[in-house]
Amino acid sequence: MRIKDRDIMDLLKWFEEALSRAPKIERKEKMKMRKKIRDELFLLLTWEKPTADVIMNRWEERLDKVFKVLPFGAREDLFGLMKKIMQMPKL
């Protein structure tokens, strides 16, 4: 099951909201984080059959700076969202 454009937009929105709740981060640093997030999200469109576990493992390696500044519990919320996206039937 492939990830759709709509799912990517939902994830982008989630990351943007999470970054806005993060403690003070320099503007340039936040811009770098957003670029890395976008790159990782749009790469998902090329994956044939991604799973929530594989995606989260990759992101924890690639987006470590982002995860360090996210509020407490955000990682678990994101994992829950990923599982929900993966279970939704694609039309």
C-alpha atoms as a PDB file:
ATOM      1  CA  MET A   1       0.000   0.000   0.000  1.00  0.00           C
ATOM      2  CA  ARG A   2       1.540   3.271  -1.104  1.00  0.00           C
ATOM      3  CA  ILE A   3       1.341   6.546   0.712  1.00  0.00           C
ATOM      4  CA  LYS A   4      -0.779   9.122  -1.095  1.00  0.00           C
ATOM      5  CA  ASP A   5      -0.323  12.869  -1.543  1.00  0.00           C
ATOM      6  CA  ARG A   6      -3.092  13.494   0.993  1.00  0.00           C
ATOM      7  CA  ASP A   7      -1.196  11.488   3.620  1.00  0.00           C
ATOM      8  CA  ILE A   8       1.954  13.529   2.936  1.00  0.00           C
ATOM      9  CA  MET A   9       0.013  16.752   3.413  1.00  0.00           C
ATOM     10  CA  ASP A  10      -1.409  15.467   6.712  1.00  0.00           C
ATOM     11  CA  LEU A  11       2.086  14.571   7.902  1.00  0.00           C
ATOM     12  CA  LEU A  12       3.473  17.948   6.824  1.00  0.00           C
ATOM     13  CA  LYS A  13       0.711  19.641   8.806  1.00  0.00           C
ATOM     14  CA  TRP A  14       1.480  17.469  11.836  1.00  0.00           C
ATOM     15  CA  PHE A  15       5.196  18.303  11.714  1.00  0.00           C
ATOM     16  CA  GLU A  16       4.473  22.014  11.275  1.00  0.00           C
ATOM     17  CA  GLU A  17       2.189  22.059  14.309  1.00  0.00           C
ATOM     18  CA  ALA A  18       4.718  20.078  16.356  1.00  0.00           C
ATOM     19  CA  LEU A  19       7.548  22.457  15.394  1.00  0.00           C
ATOM     20  CA  SER A  20       5.414  25.460  16.308  1.00  0.00           C
ATOM     21  CA  ARG A  21       4.953  23.993  19.814  1.00  0.00           C
ATOM     22  CA  ALA A  22       8.666  23.287  20.183  1.00  0.00           C
ATOM     23  CA  PRO A  23      10.663  25.563  22.470  1.00  0.00           C
ATOM     24  CA  LYS A  24      12.612  28.439  20.969  1.00  0.00           C
ATOM     25  CA  ILE A  25      14.574  27.388  17.917  1.00  0.00           C
ATOM     26  CA  GLU A  26      16.535  29.742  15.707  1.00  0.00           C
ATOM     27  CA  ARG A  27      14.745  30.626  12.505  1.00  0.00           C
ATOM     28  CA  LYS A  28      17.508  29.273  10.261  1.00  0.00           C
ATOM     29  CA  GLU A  29      17.601  26.012  12.173  1.00  0.00           C
ATOM     30  CA  LYS A  30      13.836  25.628  11.906  1.00  0.00           C
ATOM     31  CA  MET A  31      14.037  26.226   8.143  1.00  0.00           C
ATOM     32  CA  LYS A  32      16.675  23.488   7.826  1.00  0.00           C
ATOM     33  CA  MET A  33      14.457  21.129   9.813  1.00  0.00           C
ATOM     34  CA  ARG A  34      11.470  21.864   7.588  1.00  0.00           C
ATOM     35  CA  LYS A  35      13.538  21.125   4.468  1.00  0.00           C
ATOM     36  CA  LYS A  36      14.737  17.791   5.872  1.00  0.00           C
ATOM     37  CA  ILE A  37      11.166  16.914   6.850  1.00  0.00           C
ATOM     38  CA  ARG A  38       9.853  17.731   3.369  1.00  0.00           C
ATOM     39  CA  ASP A  39      12.617  15.715   1.735  1.00  0.00           C
ATOM     40  CA  GLU A  40      11.878  12.682   3.894  1.00  0.00           C
ATOM     41  CA  LEU A  41       8.111  12.942   3.417  1.00  0.00           C
ATOM     42  CA  PHE A  42       8.206  13.259  -0.343  1.00  0.00           C
ATOM     43  CA  LEU A  43      10.633  10.350  -0.535  1.00  0.00           C
ATOM     44  CA  LEU A  44       7.855   8.202   0.951  1.00  0.00           C
ATOM     45  CA  LEU A  45       5.895   8.587  -2.286  1.00  0.00           C
ATOM     46  CA  THR A  46       8.477   6.374  -3.993  1.00  0.00           C
ATOM     47  CA  TRP A  47       8.269   3.533  -1.457  1.00  0.00           C
ATOM     48  CA  GLU A  48       6.275   0.523  -2.604  1.00  0.00           C
ATOM     49  CA  LYS A  49       5.005  -0.943   0.668  1.00  0.00           C
ATOM     50  CA  PRO A  50       6.158   1.116   3.639  1.00  0.00           C
ATOM     51  CA  THR A  51       5.249   0.205   7.201  1.00  0.00           C
ATOM     52  CA  ALA A  52       4.928   2.556  10.149  1.00  0.00           C
ATOM     53  CA  ASP A  53       7.825   0.824  11.954  1.00  0.00           C
ATOM     54  CA  VAL A  54      10.225   1.099   9.015  1.00  0.00           C
ATOM     55  CA  ILE A  55       9.336   4.738   8.409  1.00  0.00           C
ATOM     56  CA  MET A  56       9.743   5.697  12.062  1.00  0.00           C
ATOM     57  CA  ASN A  57      13.104   3.910  12.282  1.00  0.00           C
ATOM     58  CA  ARG A  58      14.344   5.795   9.248  1.00  0.00           C
ATOM     59  CA  TRP A  59      13.064   9.123  10.576  1.00  0.00           C
ATOM     60  CA  GLU A  60      14.619   8.590  13.998  1.00  0.00           C
ATOM     61  CA  GLU A  61      17.977   8.306  12.236  1.00  0.00           C
ATOM     62  CA  ARG A  62      17.500  10.998   9.614  1.00  0.00           C
ATOM     63  CA  LEU A  63      15.457  13.519  11.613  1.00  0.00           C
ATOM     64  CA  ASP A  64      17.182  13.157  14.967  1.00  0.00           C
ATOM     65  CA  LYS A  65      17.520  16.938  15.445  1.00  0.00           C
ATOM     66  CA  VAL A  66      13.819  17.372  14.771  1.00  0.00           C
ATOM     67  CA  PHE A  67      12.807  14.686  17.253  1.00  0.00           C
ATOM     68  CA  LYS A  68      15.058  16.212  19.921  1.00  0.00           C
ATOM     69  CA  VAL A  69      13.135  19.513  19.863  1.00  0.00           C
ATOM     70  CA  LEU A  70       9.627  18.088  19.588  1.00  0.00           C
ATOM     71  CA  PRO A  71       7.439  18.267  22.689  1.00  0.00           C
ATOM     72  CA  PHE A  72       7.164  15.288  25.033  1.00  0.00           C
ATOM     73  CA  GLY A  73       4.928  12.561  23.593  1.00  0.00           C
ATOM     74  CA  ALA A  74       5.112  13.880  20.030  1.00  0.00           C
ATOM     75  CA  ARG A  75       7.012  10.832  18.777  1.00  0.00           C
ATOM     76  CA  GLU A  76       4.290   8.507  20.062  1.00  0.00           C
ATOM     77  CA  ASP A  77       1.591  10.715  18.502  1.00  0.00           C
ATOM     78  CA  LEU A  78       3.396  10.588  15.159  1.00  0.00           C
ATOM     79  CA  PHE A  79       3.747   6.814  15.346  1.00  0.00           C
ATOM     80  CA  GLY A  80       0.019   6.533  16.043  1.00  0.00           C
ATOM     81  CA  LEU A  81      -0.745   8.768  13.060  1.00  0.00           C
ATOM     82  CA  MET A  82       1.532   6.669  10.833  1.00  0.00           C
ATOM     83  CA  LYS A  83      -0.199   3.448  11.918  1.00  0.00           C
ATOM     84  CA  LYS A  84      -3.575   5.026  11.208  1.00  0.00           C
ATOM     85  CA  ILE A  85      -2.464   6.163   7.744  1.00  0.00           C
ATOM     86  CA  MET A  86      -1.132   2.699   6.929  1.00  0.00           C
ATOM     87  CA  GLN A  87      -4.408   1.024   7.948  1.00  0.00           C
ATOM     88  CA  MET A  88      -6.708   3.338   5.982  1.00  0.00           C
ATOM     89  CA  PRO A  89      -8.013   1.796   2.762  1.00  0.00           C
ATOM     90  CA  LYS A  90      -6.750   3.714  -0.272  1.00  0.00           C
ATOM     91  CA  LEU A  91      -9.310   4.632  -2.896  1.00  0.00           C
END
